[in-house]
């Protein structure tokens, strides 16, 4: 067996992962990225927004409890 490296790096290419992470970080810190984050998801039609809301509601019903990171009452540490 030879230890030749493929040009594409194959699955799990660390260099490609580094480039992706760097570009993602640059985008999220840019003005354009911040604008996209502030806008949040945009639905093309009312139907898509309704379906997303319904799916979120269904997921919340099945959850055992609410995530404390979402709503935390710091005045009552037991909850």
PDB file of N, CA and C in Angstrom:
ATOM      1  N   UNK A   1       0.828  -1.183   0.000  1.00  0.00           N
ATOM      2  CA  UNK A   1       0.000   0.000   0.000  1.00  0.00           C
ATOM      3  C   UNK A   1       0.873   1.246   0.000  1.00  0.00           C
ATOM      4  N   UNK A   2       0.411   2.211  -0.692  1.00  0.00           N
ATOM      5  CA  UNK A   2       1.139   3.480  -0.716  1.00  0.00           C
ATOM      6  C   UNK A   2       0.355   4.520   0.057  1.00  0.00           C
ATOM      7  N   UNK A   3       1.036   5.498   0.533  1.00  0.00           N
ATOM      8  CA  UNK A   3       0.400   6.568   1.292  1.00  0.00           C
ATOM      9  C   UNK A   3       0.198   7.796   0.425  1.00  0.00           C
ATOM     10  N   UNK A   4      -0.421   7.614  -0.712  1.00  0.00           N
ATOM     11  CA  UNK A   4      -0.681   8.745  -1.598  1.00  0.00           C
ATOM     12  C   UNK A   4      -1.968   9.433  -1.162  1.00  0.00           C
ATOM     13  N   UNK A   5      -1.927  10.756  -1.171  1.00  0.00           N
ATOM     14  CA  UNK A   5      -3.090  11.539  -0.788  1.00  0.00           C
ATOM     15  C   UNK A   5      -3.868  11.889  -2.041  1.00  0.00           C
ATOM     16  N   UNK A   6      -5.177  11.693  -1.980  1.00  0.00           N
ATOM     17  CA  UNK A   6      -6.017  12.058  -3.115  1.00  0.00           C
ATOM     18  C   UNK A   6      -6.044  13.577  -3.250  1.00  0.00           C
ATOM     19  N   UNK A   7      -6.213  14.043  -4.486  1.00  0.00           N
ATOM     20  CA  UNK A   7      -6.280  15.487  -4.706  1.00  0.00           C
ATOM     21  C   UNK A   7      -7.490  16.107  -4.014  1.00  0.00           C
ATOM     22  N   UNK A   8      -8.626  15.412  -4.056  1.00  0.00           N
ATOM     23  CA  UNK A   8      -9.837  15.975  -3.473  1.00  0.00           C
ATOM     24  C   UNK A   8      -9.873  15.828  -1.954  1.00  0.00           C
ATOM     25  N   UNK A   9      -8.976  15.060  -1.380  1.00  0.00           N
ATOM     26  CA  UNK A   9      -8.925  14.912   0.063  1.00  0.00           C
ATOM     27  C   UNK A   9      -9.913  13.899   0.595  1.00  0.00           C
ATOM     28  N   UNK A  10     -10.912  13.583  -0.169  1.00  0.00           N
ATOM     29  CA  UNK A  10     -11.893  12.595   0.261  1.00  0.00           C
ATOM     30  C   UNK A  10     -12.805  13.099   1.360  1.00  0.00           C
ATOM     31  N   UNK A  11     -13.622  12.198   1.858  1.00  0.00           N
ATOM     32  CA  UNK A  11     -14.540  12.549   2.925  1.00  0.00           C
ATOM     33  C   UNK A  11     -13.742  12.800   4.198  1.00  0.00           C
ATOM     34  N   UNK A  12     -14.106  13.827   4.925  1.00  0.00           N
ATOM     35  CA  UNK A  12     -13.370  14.168   6.130  1.00  0.00           C
ATOM     36  C   UNK A  12     -12.128  14.990   5.854  1.00  0.00           C
ATOM     37  N   UNK A  13     -12.121  15.702   4.744  1.00  0.00           N
ATOM     38  CA  UNK A  13     -10.981  16.539   4.359  1.00  0.00           C
ATOM     39  C   UNK A  13     -10.850  17.697   5.349  1.00  0.00           C
ATOM     40  N   UNK A  14      -9.803  17.690   6.138  1.00  0.00           N
ATOM     41  CA  UNK A  14      -9.625  18.701   7.179  1.00  0.00           C
ATOM     42  C   UNK A  14      -9.403  20.095   6.609  1.00  0.00           C
ATOM     43  N   UNK A  15      -8.688  20.178   5.512  1.00  0.00           N
ATOM     44  CA  UNK A  15      -8.429  21.487   4.905  1.00  0.00           C
ATOM     45  C   UNK A  15      -9.729  22.111   4.398  1.00  0.00           C
ATOM     46  N   UNK A  16     -10.580  21.300   3.789  1.00  0.00           N
ATOM     47  CA  UNK A  16     -11.874  21.802   3.315  1.00  0.00           C
ATOM     48  C   UNK A  16     -12.734  22.239   4.497  1.00  0.00           C
ATOM     49  N   UNK A  17     -12.690  21.493   5.583  1.00  0.00           N
ATOM     50  CA  UNK A  17     -13.457  21.854   6.779  1.00  0.00           C
ATOM     51  C   UNK A  17     -12.961  23.175   7.353  1.00  0.00           C
ATOM     52  N   UNK A  18     -11.645  23.364   7.371  1.00  0.00           N
ATOM     53  CA  UNK A  18     -11.088  24.633   7.863  1.00  0.00           C
ATOM     54  C   UNK A  18     -11.536  25.805   7.002  1.00  0.00           C
ATOM     55  N   UNK A  19     -11.481  25.623   5.680  1.00  0.00           N
ATOM     56  CA  UNK A  19     -11.904  26.699   4.772  1.00  0.00           C
ATOM     57  C   UNK A  19     -13.380  27.020   4.981  1.00  0.00           C
ATOM     58  N   UNK A  20     -14.209  25.992   5.084  1.00  0.00           N
ATOM     59  CA  UNK A  20     -15.647  26.191   5.289  1.00  0.00           C
ATOM     60  C   UNK A  20     -15.896  26.948   6.594  1.00  0.00           C
ATOM     61  N   UNK A  21     -15.275  26.503   7.674  1.00  0.00           N
ATOM     62  CA  UNK A  21     -15.473  27.155   8.969  1.00  0.00           C
ATOM     63  C   UNK A  21     -15.015  28.607   8.940  1.00  0.00           C
ATOM     64  N   UNK A  22     -13.893  28.873   8.281  1.00  0.00           N
ATOM     65  CA  UNK A  22     -13.379  30.235   8.197  1.00  0.00           C
ATOM     66  C   UNK A  22     -14.338  31.128   7.409  1.00  0.00           C
ATOM     67  N   UNK A  23     -14.805  30.646   6.256  1.00  0.00           N
ATOM     68  CA  UNK A  23     -15.720  31.435   5.432  1.00  0.00           C
ATOM     69  C   UNK A  23     -17.049  31.662   6.151  1.00  0.00           C
ATOM     70  N   UNK A  24     -17.529  30.641   6.865  1.00  0.00           N
ATOM     71  CA  UNK A  24     -18.777  30.776   7.607  1.00  0.00           C
ATOM     72  C   UNK A  24     -18.640  31.822   8.699  1.00  0.00           C
ATOM     73  N   UNK A  25     -17.534  31.784   9.424  1.00  0.00           N
ATOM     74  CA  UNK A  25     -17.299  32.762  10.478  1.00  0.00           C
ATOM     75  C   UNK A  25     -17.180  34.172   9.898  1.00  0.00           C
ATOM     76  N   UNK A  26     -16.465  34.311   8.788  1.00  0.00           N
ATOM     77  CA  UNK A  26     -16.330  35.622   8.145  1.00  0.00           C
ATOM     78  C   UNK A  26     -17.693  36.161   7.730  1.00  0.00           C
ATOM     79  N   UNK A  27     -18.544  35.285   7.174  1.00  0.00           N
ATOM     80  CA  UNK A  27     -19.860  35.728   6.729  1.00  0.00           C
ATOM     81  C   UNK A  27     -20.724  36.157   7.908  1.00  0.00           C
ATOM     82  N   UNK A  28     -20.753  35.348   8.973  1.00  0.00           N
ATOM     83  CA  UNK A  28     -21.622  35.683  10.096  1.00  0.00           C
ATOM     84  C   UNK A  28     -21.180  36.950  10.809  1.00  0.00           C
ATOM     85  N   UNK A  29     -19.908  37.287  10.728  1.00  0.00           N
ATOM     86  CA  UNK A  29     -19.418  38.509  11.361  1.00  0.00           C
ATOM     87  C   UNK A  29     -19.525  39.727  10.453  1.00  0.00           C
ATOM     88  N   UNK A  30     -19.817  39.515   9.169  1.00  0.00           N
ATOM     89  CA  UNK A  30     -19.927  40.638   8.235  1.00  0.00           C
ATOM     90  C   UNK A  30     -21.281  41.331   8.390  1.00  0.00           C
ATOM     91  N   UNK A  31     -21.390  42.539   7.832  1.00  0.00           N
ATOM     92  CA  UNK A  31     -22.657  43.275   7.875  1.00  0.00           C
ATOM     93  C   UNK A  31     -23.754  42.506   7.151  1.00  0.00           C
ATOM     94  N   UNK A  32     -23.410  41.926   6.005  1.00  0.00           N
ATOM     95  CA  UNK A  32     -24.385  41.152   5.231  1.00  0.00           C
ATOM     96  C   UNK A  32     -24.883  39.955   6.046  1.00  0.00           C
ATOM     97  N   UNK A  33     -23.980  39.289   6.727  1.00  0.00           N
ATOM     98  CA  UNK A  33     -24.347  38.140   7.549  1.00  0.00           C
ATOM     99  C   UNK A  33     -25.224  38.546   8.718  1.00  0.00           C
ATOM    100  N   UNK A  34     -24.893  39.656   9.358  1.00  0.00           N
ATOM    101  CA  UNK A  34     -25.698  40.133  10.481  1.00  0.00           C
ATOM    102  C   UNK A  34     -27.110  40.501  10.031  1.00  0.00           C
ATOM    103  N   UNK A  35     -27.223  41.107   8.844  1.00  0.00           N
ATOM    104  CA  UNK A  35     -28.546  41.430   8.306  1.00  0.00           C
ATOM    105  C   UNK A  35     -29.363  40.164   8.082  1.00  0.00           C
ATOM    106  N   UNK A  36     -28.729  39.129   7.529  1.00  0.00           N
ATOM    107  CA  UNK A  36     -29.423  37.863   7.279  1.00  0.00           C
ATOM    108  C   UNK A  36     -29.855  37.211   8.586  1.00  0.00           C
ATOM    109  N   UNK A  37     -29.006  37.291   9.602  1.00  0.00           N
ATOM    110  CA  UNK A  37     -29.339  36.715  10.903  1.00  0.00           C
ATOM    111  C   UNK A  37     -30.499  37.472  11.534  1.00  0.00           C
ATOM    112  N   UNK A  38     -30.473  38.800  11.445  1.00  0.00           N
ATOM    113  CA  UNK A  38     -31.534  39.612  12.033  1.00  0.00           C
ATOM    114  C   UNK A  38     -32.883  39.365  11.370  1.00  0.00           C
ATOM    115  N   UNK A  39     -32.873  39.146  10.060  1.00  0.00           N
ATOM    116  CA  UNK A  39     -34.125  38.901   9.340  1.00  0.00           C
ATOM    117  C   UNK A  39     -34.725  37.553   9.707  1.00  0.00           C
ATOM    118  N   UNK A  40     -33.878  36.572   9.923  1.00  0.00           N
ATOM    119  CA  UNK A  40     -34.361  35.230  10.243  1.00  0.00           C
ATOM    120  C   UNK A  40     -34.936  34.561   9.012  1.00  0.00           C
ATOM    121  N   UNK A  41     -35.624  33.446   9.209  1.00  0.00           N
ATOM    122  CA  UNK A  41     -36.176  32.728   8.053  1.00  0.00           C
ATOM    123  C   UNK A  41     -37.283  33.536   7.374  1.00  0.00           C
ATOM    124  N   UNK A  42     -37.273  33.545   6.083  1.00  0.00           N
ATOM    125  CA  UNK A  42     -38.287  34.247   5.300  1.00  0.00           C
ATOM    126  C   UNK A  42     -39.117  33.222   4.532  1.00  0.00           C
ATOM    127  N   UNK A  43     -40.413  33.307   4.669  1.00  0.00           N
ATOM    128  CA  UNK A  43     -41.299  32.375   3.969  1.00  0.00           C
ATOM    129  C   UNK A  43     -41.822  33.029   2.709  1.00  0.00           C
ATOM    130  N   UNK A  44     -41.881  32.257   1.640  1.00  0.00           N
ATOM    131  CA  UNK A  44     -42.351  32.786   0.360  1.00  0.00           C
ATOM    132  C   UNK A  44     -43.858  32.989   0.350  1.00  0.00           C
ATOM    133  N   UNK A  45     -44.553  32.185   1.123  1.00  0.00           N
ATOM    134  CA  UNK A  45     -46.008  32.300   1.141  1.00  0.00           C
ATOM    135  C   UNK A  45     -46.536  32.049   2.551  1.00  0.00           C
ATOM    136  N   UNK A  46     -47.779  32.379   2.745  1.00  0.00           N
ATOM    137  CA  UNK A  46     -48.428  32.208   4.041  1.00  0.00           C
ATOM    138  C   UNK A  46     -48.533  30.735   4.420  1.00  0.00           C
ATOM    139  N   UNK A  47     -48.723  29.885   3.426  1.00  0.00           N
ATOM    140  CA  UNK A  47     -48.863  28.444   3.669  1.00  0.00           C
ATOM    141  C   UNK A  47     -47.596  27.882   4.323  1.00  0.00           C
ATOM    142  N   UNK A  48     -46.439  28.261   3.826  1.00  0.00           N
ATOM    143  CA  UNK A  48     -45.181  27.780   4.398  1.00  0.00           C
ATOM    144  C   UNK A  48     -45.008  28.223   5.838  1.00  0.00           C
ATOM    145  N   UNK A  49     -45.386  29.455   6.130  1.00  0.00           N
ATOM    146  CA  UNK A  49     -45.280  29.969   7.490  1.00  0.00           C
ATOM    147  C   UNK A  49     -46.220  29.217   8.427  1.00  0.00           C
ATOM    148  N   UNK A  50     -47.424  28.930   7.961  1.00  0.00           N
ATOM    149  CA  UNK A  50     -48.387  28.183   8.780  1.00  0.00           C
ATOM    150  C   UNK A  50     -47.886  26.774   9.062  1.00  0.00           C
ATOM    151  N   UNK A  51     -47.349  26.120   8.030  1.00  0.00           N
ATOM    152  CA  UNK A  51     -46.844  24.759   8.200  1.00  0.00           C
ATOM    153  C   UNK A  51     -45.680  24.728   9.186  1.00  0.00           C
ATOM    154  N   UNK A  52     -44.810  25.716   9.107  1.00  0.00           N
ATOM    155  CA  UNK A  52     -43.669  25.772  10.018  1.00  0.00           C
ATOM    156  C   UNK A  52     -44.141  25.984  11.453  1.00  0.00           C
ATOM    157  N   UNK A  53     -45.113  26.855  11.634  1.00  0.00           N
ATOM    158  CA  UNK A  53     -45.660  27.093  12.968  1.00  0.00           C
ATOM    159  C   UNK A  53     -46.322  25.851  13.539  1.00  0.00           C
ATOM    160  N   UNK A  54     -47.041  25.149  12.677  1.00  0.00           N
ATOM    161  CA  UNK A  54     -47.717  23.918  13.092  1.00  0.00           C
ATOM    162  C   UNK A  54     -46.695  22.846  13.478  1.00  0.00           C
ATOM    163  N   UNK A  55     -45.630  22.726  12.696  1.00  0.00           N
ATOM    164  CA  UNK A  55     -44.581  21.743  12.984  1.00  0.00           C
ATOM    165  C   UNK A  55     -43.882  22.071  14.304  1.00  0.00           C
ATOM    166  N   UNK A  56     -43.638  23.350  14.547  1.00  0.00           N
ATOM    167  CA  UNK A  56     -42.996  23.744  15.802  1.00  0.00           C
ATOM    168  C   UNK A  56     -43.901  23.426  16.985  1.00  0.00           C
ATOM    169  N   UNK A  57     -45.176  23.709  16.840  1.00  0.00           N
ATOM    170  CA  UNK A  57     -46.137  23.423  17.905  1.00  0.00           C
ATOM    171  C   UNK A  57     -46.201  21.923  18.198  1.00  0.00           C
ATOM    172  N   UNK A  58     -46.206  21.103  17.150  1.00  0.00           N
ATOM    173  CA  UNK A  58     -46.226  19.653  17.314  1.00  0.00           C
ATOM    174  C   UNK A  58     -44.976  19.183  18.052  1.00  0.00           C
ATOM    175  N   UNK A  59     -43.840  19.723  17.688  1.00  0.00           N
ATOM    176  CA  UNK A  59     -42.595  19.359  18.357  1.00  0.00           C
ATOM    177  C   UNK A  59     -42.585  19.755  19.822  1.00  0.00           C
ATOM    178  N   UNK A  60     -43.135  20.913  20.123  1.00  0.00           N
ATOM    179  CA  UNK A  60     -43.183  21.367  21.514  1.00  0.00           C
ATOM    180  C   UNK A  60     -44.114  20.491  22.348  1.00  0.00           C
ATOM    181  N   UNK A  61     -45.203  20.018  21.763  1.00  0.00           N
ATOM    182  CA  UNK A  61     -46.139  19.157  22.491  1.00  0.00           C
ATOM    183  C   UNK A  61     -45.474  17.847  22.893  1.00  0.00           C
ATOM    184  N   UNK A  62     -44.616  17.328  22.030  1.00  0.00           N
ATOM    185  CA  UNK A  62     -43.968  16.049  22.298  1.00  0.00           C
ATOM    186  C   UNK A  62     -42.783  16.186  23.240  1.00  0.00           C
ATOM    187  N   UNK A  63     -42.320  17.393  23.454  1.00  0.00           N
ATOM    188  CA  UNK A  63     -41.158  17.601  24.317  1.00  0.00           C
ATOM    189  C   UNK A  63     -41.520  17.291  25.762  1.00  0.00           C
ATOM    190  N   UNK A  64     -40.592  16.744  26.466  1.00  0.00           N
ATOM    191  CA  UNK A  64     -40.818  16.388  27.857  1.00  0.00           C
ATOM    192  C   UNK A  64     -40.975  17.645  28.716  1.00  0.00           C
ATOM    193  N   UNK A  65     -40.149  18.610  28.466  1.00  0.00           N
ATOM    194  CA  UNK A  65     -40.191  19.865  29.207  1.00  0.00           C
ATOM    195  C   UNK A  65     -39.595  20.963  28.340  1.00  0.00           C
ATOM    196  N   UNK A  66     -39.816  22.188  28.746  1.00  0.00           N
ATOM    197  CA  UNK A  66     -39.257  23.308  28.002  1.00  0.00           C
ATOM    198  C   UNK A  66     -37.768  23.412  28.296  1.00  0.00           C
ATOM    199  N   UNK A  67     -37.017  23.807  27.307  1.00  0.00           N
ATOM    200  CA  UNK A  67     -35.582  24.007  27.465  1.00  0.00           C
ATOM    201  C   UNK A  67     -35.359  25.225  28.359  1.00  0.00           C
ATOM    202  N   UNK A  68     -34.636  25.075  29.458  1.00  0.00           N
ATOM    203  CA  UNK A  68     -34.437  26.217  30.351  1.00  0.00           C
ATOM    204  C   UNK A  68     -33.663  27.355  29.698  1.00  0.00           C
ATOM    205  N   UNK A  69     -32.919  27.070  28.642  1.00  0.00           N
ATOM    206  CA  UNK A  69     -32.186  28.133  27.964  1.00  0.00           C
ATOM    207  C   UNK A  69     -33.124  29.035  27.174  1.00  0.00           C
ATOM    208  N   UNK A  70     -34.308  28.526  26.822  1.00  0.00           N
ATOM    209  CA  UNK A  70     -35.260  29.322  26.060  1.00  0.00           C
ATOM    210  C   UNK A  70     -35.935  30.334  26.972  1.00  0.00           C
ATOM    211  N   UNK A  71     -36.490  29.859  28.079  1.00  0.00           N
ATOM    212  CA  UNK A  71     -37.116  30.754  29.049  1.00  0.00           C
ATOM    213  C   UNK A  71     -36.638  30.348  30.428  1.00  0.00           C
ATOM    214  N   UNK A  72     -35.848  31.181  31.042  1.00  0.00           N
ATOM    215  CA  UNK A  72     -35.317  30.861  32.360  1.00  0.00           C
ATOM    216  C   UNK A  72     -35.715  31.959  33.326  1.00  0.00           C
ATOM    217  N   UNK A  73     -36.270  31.545  34.466  1.00  0.00           N
ATOM    218  CA  UNK A  73     -36.640  32.478  35.518  1.00  0.00           C
ATOM    219  C   UNK A  73     -35.515  32.477  36.547  1.00  0.00           C
ATOM    220  N   UNK A  74     -34.659  33.466  36.492  1.00  0.00           N
ATOM    221  CA  UNK A  74     -33.503  33.504  37.379  1.00  0.00           C
ATOM    222  C   UNK A  74     -33.888  33.815  38.826  1.00  0.00           C
ATOM    223  N   UNK A  75     -35.105  34.316  39.060  1.00  0.00           N
ATOM    224  CA  UNK A  75     -35.535  34.579  40.429  1.00  0.00           C
ATOM    225  C   UNK A  75     -35.967  33.295  41.130  1.00  0.00           C
ATOM    226  N   UNK A  76     -36.254  32.224  40.349  1.00  0.00           N
ATOM    227  CA  UNK A  76     -36.655  30.944  40.913  1.00  0.00           C
ATOM    228  C   UNK A  76     -35.725  29.862  40.360  1.00  0.00           C
ATOM    229  N   UNK A  77     -34.623  29.548  41.072  1.00  0.00           N
ATOM    230  CA  UNK A  77     -33.621  28.634  40.515  1.00  0.00           C
ATOM    231  C   UNK A  77     -34.081  27.188  40.384  1.00  0.00           C
ATOM    232  N   UNK A  78     -35.174  26.803  41.046  1.00  0.00           N
ATOM    233  CA  UNK A  78     -35.648  25.416  40.970  1.00  0.00           C
ATOM    234  C   UNK A  78     -36.371  25.107  39.677  1.00  0.00           C
ATOM    235  N   UNK A  79     -36.792  26.105  38.957  1.00  0.00           N
ATOM    236  CA  UNK A  79     -37.554  25.860  37.725  1.00  0.00           C
ATOM    237  C   UNK A  79     -36.735  26.135  36.521  1.00  0.00           C
TER     238      UNK A  79
END
